[in-house]
Amino acid sequence: MIAPTLMMSTPTALATLIRSELVHQETVTRYAPARRFASLFTEASPSDSFYFLDSGLVKIFKRGEDGKEIIVRIVAPGEIFGEQALTGEEGRKVSAEILQEGLIYVIPKAAFLSFCDSHPGAWRLVAEALGTRLRELEKKVELLCLQDVEYRILYYLGELASTLGHRGDSGNEYAIPLSQSELASLIGATRETTSTTLNALARRGLVRLGRRMLIVSSLESVRGAANERTARAANGAA
């Protein structure tokens, strides 16, 4: 049985600093409950604020003229987003929408910059967070270019289970609060291909499919399957 509490990663130094001081400033807006599907900003919206996700989930995405959507990243609790406000560009290049109900703080750009300037080491923490984000995007490009859909699904199931999943009572299962369509948008595949591959993985006992929920049998099994697929691909290319 899956426990109802969302797993929280160990708070980063930046998140701790923001929670203890910045969110209590008068100019910061508390947005709660931030309900699912609520839009936080869209492409071309003014880049005049930062956001801090205290709880829940947010998706950062782009949507084409044909309505096709690709999820650039999923924001986890304790992370800042809307960092394009640092670049000086007037309009945003991506959109942000609530994926799971939670609590968000909207921080005016001036307040965020002043806060970082007044706290020794704050800019280093911001740089580290953005550096991690850059590495994640580089990995995403690598997966899109070099790996097939099954591997990409296995990879993201492992990553999402460890950071966003609800943990089962047994300690082995993890439930990821995403639909198959959302997973397809995240890995850059069609809904149909993603569904077919998930069903194949379910028959192997690696995942169970629920309503807006993907239940991973165990991190070890999913990551082991991904490693085996990489080894088979390497042997085939040799």
Protein backbone atom coordinates (compact mmCIF):
# COMPACT_ATOMS: atom_id res chain seq x y z
CA MET A 1 0.00 0.00 0.00
CA ILE A 2 1.36 3.40 -0.94
CA ALA A 3 1.85 5.94 1.80
CA PRO A 4 0.16 9.30 1.10
CA THR A 5 3.06 11.57 1.99
CA LEU A 6 5.23 13.02 -0.76
CA MET A 7 8.88 12.19 -0.30
CA MET A 8 11.03 15.24 0.37
CA SER A 9 14.69 15.30 -0.53
CA THR A 10 17.14 16.64 2.05
CA PRO A 11 16.69 20.42 2.09
CA THR A 12 19.47 22.24 0.31
CA ALA A 13 21.28 25.13 1.93
CA LEU A 14 19.58 27.51 -0.51
CA ALA A 15 16.10 26.17 0.28
CA THR A 16 16.76 26.43 4.01
CA LEU A 17 17.91 30.02 3.63
CA ILE A 18 14.88 30.96 1.52
CA ARG A 19 12.42 29.29 3.89
CA SER A 20 13.93 30.85 6.99
CA GLU A 21 14.17 34.42 5.74
CA LEU A 22 13.20 35.38 2.21
CA VAL A 23 9.63 34.06 2.10
CA HIS A 24 8.74 36.19 5.13
CA GLN A 25 9.47 39.49 3.42
CA GLU A 26 6.48 41.77 2.83
CA THR A 27 6.87 41.87 -0.95
CA VAL A 28 6.80 38.07 -1.29
CA THR A 29 3.40 36.58 -2.19
CA ARG A 30 2.26 33.27 -0.70
CA TYR A 31 0.28 31.26 -3.27
CA ALA A 32 -1.64 28.45 -1.56
CA PRO A 33 -3.28 26.23 -2.28
CA ALA A 34 -1.67 26.23 -5.71
CA ARG A 35 -4.12 23.95 -7.48
CA ARG A 36 -3.40 21.52 -10.28
CA PHE A 37 -3.51 22.97 -13.82
CA ALA A 38 -3.19 26.54 -12.52
CA SER A 39 -0.88 28.56 -14.78
CA LEU A 40 1.97 30.43 -13.10
CA PHE A 41 3.37 32.04 -16.22
CA THR A 42 3.39 31.50 -19.97
CA GLU A 43 5.81 32.16 -22.80
CA ALA A 44 6.27 35.92 -23.28
CA SER A 45 5.08 36.63 -19.70
CA PRO A 46 7.24 39.30 -18.01
CA SER A 47 10.41 37.92 -16.38
CA ASP A 48 9.93 40.03 -13.29
CA SER A 49 9.87 37.45 -10.50
CA PHE A 50 11.32 34.24 -9.11
CA TYR A 51 9.33 31.34 -7.66
CA PHE A 52 10.06 29.05 -4.73
CA LEU A 53 8.23 25.73 -4.53
CA ASP A 54 7.68 24.79 -0.90
CA SER A 55 5.48 21.77 -1.62
CA GLY A 56 3.72 20.13 -4.55
CA LEU A 57 5.05 19.82 -8.10
CA VAL A 58 5.38 22.22 -11.03
CA LYS A 59 6.07 21.44 -14.67
CA ILE A 60 8.15 23.71 -16.88
CA PHE A 61 7.17 23.17 -20.51
CA LYS A 62 6.92 24.46 -24.05
CA ARG A 63 3.91 23.97 -26.31
CA GLY A 64 4.04 24.14 -30.08
CA GLU A 65 1.51 25.70 -32.41
CA ASP A 66 0.13 22.21 -33.03
CA GLY A 67 -0.58 21.82 -29.31
CA LYS A 68 2.22 19.31 -28.79
CA GLU A 69 3.84 19.75 -25.41
CA ILE A 70 7.28 18.87 -24.11
CA ILE A 71 8.07 19.03 -20.42
CA VAL A 72 11.49 20.63 -19.98
CA ARG A 73 11.71 19.71 -16.30
CA ILE A 74 9.66 18.97 -13.23
CA VAL A 75 10.27 21.25 -10.25
CA ALA A 76 10.50 19.47 -6.91
CA PRO A 77 9.84 20.92 -3.44
CA GLY A 78 12.67 23.13 -2.22
CA GLU A 79 13.64 24.40 -5.68
CA ILE A 80 13.55 27.86 -7.21
CA PHE A 81 12.35 28.41 -10.76
CA GLY A 82 11.63 31.31 -13.06
CA GLU A 83 15.37 31.97 -13.05
CA GLN A 84 15.13 33.60 -16.47
CA ALA A 85 14.58 36.78 -14.48
CA LEU A 86 18.37 36.76 -14.01
CA THR A 87 19.09 37.12 -17.74
CA GLY A 88 17.58 40.56 -18.25
CA GLU A 89 15.20 39.33 -20.95
CA GLU A 90 11.78 40.91 -20.70
CA GLY A 91 9.74 37.85 -21.72
CA ARG A 92 9.91 34.24 -20.62
CA LYS A 93 10.71 31.41 -23.06
CA VAL A 94 8.80 28.64 -21.26
CA SER A 95 5.56 28.14 -19.38
CA ALA A 96 4.94 26.89 -15.83
CA GLU A 97 1.90 25.05 -14.55
CA ILE A 98 0.93 23.34 -11.30
CA LEU A 99 1.33 19.57 -11.62
CA GLN A 100 0.44 18.70 -8.04
CA GLU A 101 -1.27 20.96 -5.51
CA GLY A 102 1.07 22.67 -3.10
CA LEU A 103 2.51 25.93 -1.77
CA ILE A 104 4.44 28.44 -3.87
CA TYR A 105 6.06 31.76 -3.05
CA VAL A 106 6.32 34.45 -5.72
CA ILE A 107 9.41 36.59 -5.13
CA PRO A 108 9.83 39.91 -6.94
CA LYS A 109 13.07 40.13 -8.88
CA ALA A 110 14.33 43.12 -6.88
CA ALA A 111 13.69 41.34 -3.58
CA PHE A 112 15.49 38.19 -4.71
CA LEU A 113 18.54 40.07 -5.99
CA SER A 114 18.75 42.22 -2.86
CA PHE A 115 18.44 39.15 -0.65
CA CYS A 116 21.27 37.34 -2.44
CA ASP A 117 23.47 40.43 -2.36
CA SER A 118 23.01 40.76 1.40
CA HIS A 119 23.75 37.11 2.27
CA PRO A 120 27.35 35.90 1.90
CA GLY A 121 27.45 32.74 -0.17
CA ALA A 122 23.89 33.06 -1.50
CA TRP A 123 25.01 33.64 -5.08
CA ARG A 124 27.25 30.57 -4.87
CA LEU A 125 24.24 28.49 -3.80
CA VAL A 126 22.19 29.90 -6.68
CA ALA A 127 25.02 29.12 -9.11
CA GLU A 128 25.21 25.55 -7.79
CA ALA A 129 21.46 25.10 -8.26
CA LEU A 130 21.62 26.44 -11.81
CA GLY A 131 24.66 24.27 -12.53
CA THR A 132 22.72 21.19 -11.46
CA ARG A 133 19.87 22.26 -13.71
CA LEU A 134 22.24 22.64 -16.65
CA ARG A 135 23.60 19.13 -16.12
CA GLU A 136 20.03 17.79 -16.04
CA LEU A 137 19.26 19.48 -19.36
CA GLU A 138 22.47 18.14 -20.89
CA LYS A 139 21.44 14.65 -19.77
CA LYS A 140 18.01 15.15 -21.28
CA VAL A 141 19.53 16.05 -24.66
CA GLU A 142 21.83 13.04 -24.45
CA LEU A 143 18.90 10.71 -23.77
CA LEU A 144 16.83 12.17 -26.61
CA CYS A 145 19.67 11.79 -29.09
CA LEU A 146 21.29 8.53 -28.04
CA GLN A 147 18.76 6.35 -26.22
CA ASP A 148 15.52 4.63 -27.22
CA VAL A 149 12.14 5.11 -25.56
CA GLU A 150 12.41 2.10 -23.25
CA TYR A 151 15.71 3.25 -21.81
CA ARG A 152 14.44 6.81 -21.39
CA ILE A 153 11.39 5.52 -19.52
CA LEU A 154 13.50 3.32 -17.25
CA TYR A 155 15.92 6.17 -16.58
CA TYR A 156 13.21 8.67 -15.65
CA LEU A 157 11.25 6.14 -13.59
CA GLY A 158 14.36 5.66 -11.48
CA GLU A 159 15.08 9.37 -11.18
CA LEU A 160 11.49 10.39 -10.46
CA ALA A 161 10.91 7.59 -7.96
CA SER A 162 13.93 8.66 -5.92
CA THR A 163 13.02 12.37 -5.87
CA LEU A 164 9.23 12.67 -6.26
CA GLY A 165 7.73 9.30 -5.43
CA HIS A 166 5.43 8.22 -2.64
CA ARG A 167 7.12 5.35 -0.84
CA GLY A 168 5.20 2.16 -0.09
CA ASP A 169 4.96 0.57 3.35
CA SER A 170 7.35 -2.19 2.28
CA GLY A 171 10.00 0.34 1.38
CA ASN A 172 10.40 -1.10 -2.10
CA GLU A 173 7.57 0.41 -4.15
CA TYR A 174 7.46 4.05 -5.22
CA ALA A 175 4.42 5.74 -6.73
CA ILE A 176 5.14 8.61 -9.11
CA PRO A 177 2.24 11.09 -9.45
CA LEU A 178 2.38 11.41 -13.25
CA SER A 179 0.05 10.31 -16.02
CA GLN A 180 1.30 8.36 -19.02
CA SER A 181 0.79 11.47 -21.17
CA GLU A 182 2.91 13.57 -18.83
CA LEU A 183 5.66 10.96 -18.84
CA ALA A 184 5.52 10.93 -22.65
CA SER A 185 5.95 14.72 -22.70
CA LEU A 186 8.88 14.46 -20.29
CA ILE A 187 10.79 11.80 -22.25
CA GLY A 188 10.03 13.23 -25.71
CA ALA A 189 7.94 10.37 -27.08
CA THR A 190 4.38 9.93 -28.33
CA ARG A 191 1.63 8.94 -25.92
CA GLU A 192 1.05 5.74 -27.89
CA THR A 193 4.68 4.60 -27.86
CA THR A 194 5.02 5.44 -24.19
CA SER A 195 1.87 3.49 -23.32
CA THR A 196 2.97 0.44 -25.31
CA THR A 197 6.40 0.44 -23.66
CA LEU A 198 4.95 0.91 -20.17
CA ASN A 199 2.62 -2.03 -20.70
CA ALA A 200 5.59 -4.17 -21.75
CA LEU A 201 7.47 -3.12 -18.61
CA ALA A 202 4.38 -3.88 -16.53
CA ARG A 203 4.29 -7.44 -17.90
CA ARG A 204 7.89 -7.81 -16.71
CA GLY A 205 6.86 -6.69 -13.23
CA LEU A 206 8.91 -3.51 -13.28
CA VAL A 207 6.01 -1.07 -13.04
CA ARG A 208 2.29 -0.99 -12.30
CA LEU A 209 -0.02 1.49 -13.98
CA GLY A 210 -2.65 3.39 -12.03
CA ARG A 211 -4.84 6.42 -12.60
CA ARG A 212 -2.40 9.32 -12.90
CA MET A 213 0.12 7.14 -11.12
CA LEU A 214 3.14 5.06 -12.14
CA ILE A 215 4.17 2.57 -9.47
CA VAL A 216 7.77 1.38 -9.61
CA SER A 217 8.32 -2.07 -8.09
CA SER A 218 11.78 -1.12 -6.81
CA LEU A 219 14.53 1.32 -7.67
CA GLU A 220 17.02 -1.53 -7.94
CA SER A 221 14.90 -3.42 -10.48
CA VAL A 222 14.29 -0.39 -12.69
CA ARG A 223 17.88 0.79 -12.62
CA GLY A 224 19.11 -2.75 -13.17
CA ALA A 225 16.88 -3.08 -16.24
CA ALA A 226 18.25 0.21 -17.60
CA ASN A 227 21.82 -0.98 -17.10
CA GLU A 228 21.08 -4.28 -18.80
CA ARG A 229 19.60 -2.47 -21.78
CA THR A 230 22.70 -0.29 -22.05
CA ALA A 231 24.93 -3.37 -21.90
CA ARG A 232 22.93 -5.15 -24.60
CA ALA A 233 23.12 -2.07 -26.83
CA ALA A 234 26.88 -1.85 -26.31
CA ASN A 235 27.36 -5.54 -27.12
CA GLY A 236 25.23 -5.18 -30.24
CA ALA A 237 27.33 -2.27 -31.44
CA ALA A 238 30.59 -4.11 -30.79
